[in-house]
C-alpha atoms as a PDB file:
ATOM      1  CA  MET A   1       0.021   0.031  -0.015  1.00  0.00           C
ATOM      2  CA  LEU A   2       1.286   3.453  -0.886  1.00  0.00           C
ATOM      3  CA  PRO A   3       1.113   6.549   1.303  1.00  0.00           C
ATOM      4  CA  PHE A   4      -2.247   8.159   2.059  1.00  0.00           C
ATOM      5  CA  GLY A   5      -3.999   4.812   1.634  1.00  0.00           C
ATOM      6  CA  LEU A   6      -3.571   4.810  -2.123  1.00  0.00           C
ATOM      7  CA  GLY A   7      -3.393   1.540  -3.969  1.00  0.00           C
ATOM      8  CA  LEU A   8      -2.161   0.810  -7.418  1.00  0.00           C
ATOM      9  CA  PRO A   9      -5.548   1.361  -9.098  1.00  0.00           C
ATOM     10  CA  GLU A  10      -5.988   4.792  -7.608  1.00  0.00           C
ATOM     11  CA  LEU A  11      -2.430   5.778  -8.553  1.00  0.00           C
ATOM     12  CA  LEU A  12      -3.007   4.696 -12.187  1.00  0.00           C
ATOM     13  CA  VAL A  13      -6.174   6.751 -12.380  1.00  0.00           C
ATOM     14  CA  ILE A  14      -4.341   9.810 -11.009  1.00  0.00           C
ATOM     15  CA  LEU A  15      -1.487   9.323 -13.437  1.00  0.00           C
ATOM     16  CA  PHE A  16      -3.925   8.910 -16.328  1.00  0.00           C
ATOM     17  CA  ILE A  17      -5.757  12.119 -15.446  1.00  0.00           C
ATOM     18  CA  ALA A  18      -2.418  13.955 -15.155  1.00  0.00           C
ATOM     19  CA  LEU A  19      -1.451  12.595 -18.607  1.00  0.00           C
ATOM     20  CA  ILE A  20      -4.709  13.957 -20.035  1.00  0.00           C
ATOM     21  CA  ILE A  21      -4.383  17.348 -18.427  1.00  0.00           C
ATOM     22  CA  PHE A  22      -0.703  18.028 -19.000  1.00  0.00           C
ATOM     23  CA  GLY A  23       0.033  15.906 -22.006  1.00  0.00           C
ATOM     24  CA  PRO A  24       2.923  13.410 -22.613  1.00  0.00           C
ATOM     25  CA  LYS A  25       5.532  16.098 -23.296  1.00  0.00           C
ATOM     26  CA  LYS A  26       5.060  18.011 -20.014  1.00  0.00           C
ATOM     27  CA  LEU A  27       4.621  15.007 -17.671  1.00  0.00           C
ATOM     28  CA  PRO A  28       8.343  14.110 -17.462  1.00  0.00           C
ATOM     29  CA  GLU A  29       9.240  17.715 -16.776  1.00  0.00           C
ATOM     30  CA  LEU A  30       6.591  17.874 -14.001  1.00  0.00           C
ATOM     31  CA  GLY A  31       7.898  14.731 -12.451  1.00  0.00           C
ATOM     32  CA  LYS A  32      11.478  16.044 -12.513  1.00  0.00           C
ATOM     33  CA  ASN A  33      10.488  19.322 -10.925  1.00  0.00           C
ATOM     34  CA  LEU A  34       8.418  17.548  -8.311  1.00  0.00           C
ATOM     35  CA  GLY A  35      11.356  15.363  -7.447  1.00  0.00           C
ATOM     36  CA  LYS A  36      13.614  18.396  -7.094  1.00  0.00           C
ATOM     37  CA  GLY A  37      11.088  20.105  -4.842  1.00  0.00           C
ATOM     38  CA  LEU A  38      10.691  17.078  -2.550  1.00  0.00           C
ATOM     39  CA  LYS A  39      14.483  16.718  -2.361  1.00  0.00           C
ATOM     40  CA  SER A  40      14.836  20.444  -1.404  1.00  0.00           C
ATOM     41  CA  PHE A  41      12.063  20.071   1.117  1.00  0.00           C
ATOM     42  CA  LYS A  42      13.711  17.044   2.708  1.00  0.00           C
ATOM     43  CA  LYS A  43      17.047  18.848   2.875  1.00  0.00           C
ATOM     44  CA  GLY A  44      15.450  21.719   4.583  1.00  0.00           C
ATOM     45  CA  ILE A  45      13.680  19.504   7.108  1.00  0.00           C
ATOM     46  CA  ASP A  46      16.931  17.669   7.856  1.00  0.00           C
ATOM     47  CA  GLU A  47      18.848  20.966   8.318  1.00  0.00           C
ATOM     48  CA  ALA A  48      16.145  22.269  10.661  1.00  0.00           C
ATOM     49  CA  SER A  49      16.217  19.024  12.638  1.00  0.00           C
ATOM     50  CA  GLU A  50      19.968  19.110  13.032  1.00  0.00           C
ATOM     51  CA  GLU A  51      19.866  22.750  14.183  1.00  0.00           C
ATOM     52  CA  PHE A  52      17.144  21.871  16.728  1.00  0.00           C
ATOM     53  CA  LYS A  53      19.140  18.956  18.029  1.00  0.00           C
ATOM     54  CA  GLU A  54      22.252  21.143  18.411  1.00  0.00           C
ATOM     55  CA  SER A  55      20.262  23.747  20.223  1.00  0.00           C
ATOM     56  CA  ILE A  56      18.918  21.164  22.713  1.00  0.00           C
ATOM     57  CA  LYS A  57      22.400  19.769  23.172  1.00  0.00           C
ATOM     58  CA  ASP A  58      23.811  23.280  23.855  1.00  0.00           C
ATOM     59  CA  GLU A  59      21.035  23.994  26.268  1.00  0.00           C
ATOM     60  CA  GLU A  60      21.691  20.774  28.155  1.00  0.00           C
ATOM     61  CA  THR A  61      25.437  21.482  28.314  1.00  0.00           C
ATOM     62  CA  SER A  62      24.778  25.017  29.558  1.00  0.00           C
ATOM     63  CA  SER A  63      22.398  23.884  32.313  1.00  0.00           C
ATOM     64  CA  ASP A  64      24.872  21.114  33.429  1.00  0.00           C
ATOM     65  CA  GLU A  65      27.629  23.717  33.646  1.00  0.00           C
ATOM     66  CA  LYS A  66      25.393  26.063  35.718  1.00  0.00           C
ATOM     67  CA  ALA A  67      24.506  23.200  38.020  1.00  0.00           C
ATOM     68  CA  ALA A  68      28.210  22.286  38.500  1.00  0.00           C
ATOM     69  CA  LYS A  69      29.158  25.853  39.216  1.00  0.00           C
ATOM     70  CA  ALA A  70      26.320  26.229  41.683  1.00  0.00           C
ATOM     71  CA  LYS A  71      27.477  23.025  43.395  1.00  0.00           C
ATOM     72  CA  GLU A  72      31.064  24.341  43.639  1.00  0.00           C
ATOM     73  CA  ASP A  73      29.838  27.637  45.225  1.00  0.00           C
ATOM     74  CA  THR A  74      28.101  25.851  48.048  1.00  0.00           C
END
């Protein structure tokens, strides 16, 4: 089963309708642009995720250092 609960028959109907609307010459170009867009979106999500993880790690390190310093002061 494909994402969003789509099966092979539904996917074929969607591709057939896209072929009728855009024509056989535009369909490969649209697929290529869709692939590039998805790749760019995934790259952006991965970068944001890494930045978030680094931010959390920095915050944990900072709070650990503050706790250690407070323990030394007492």
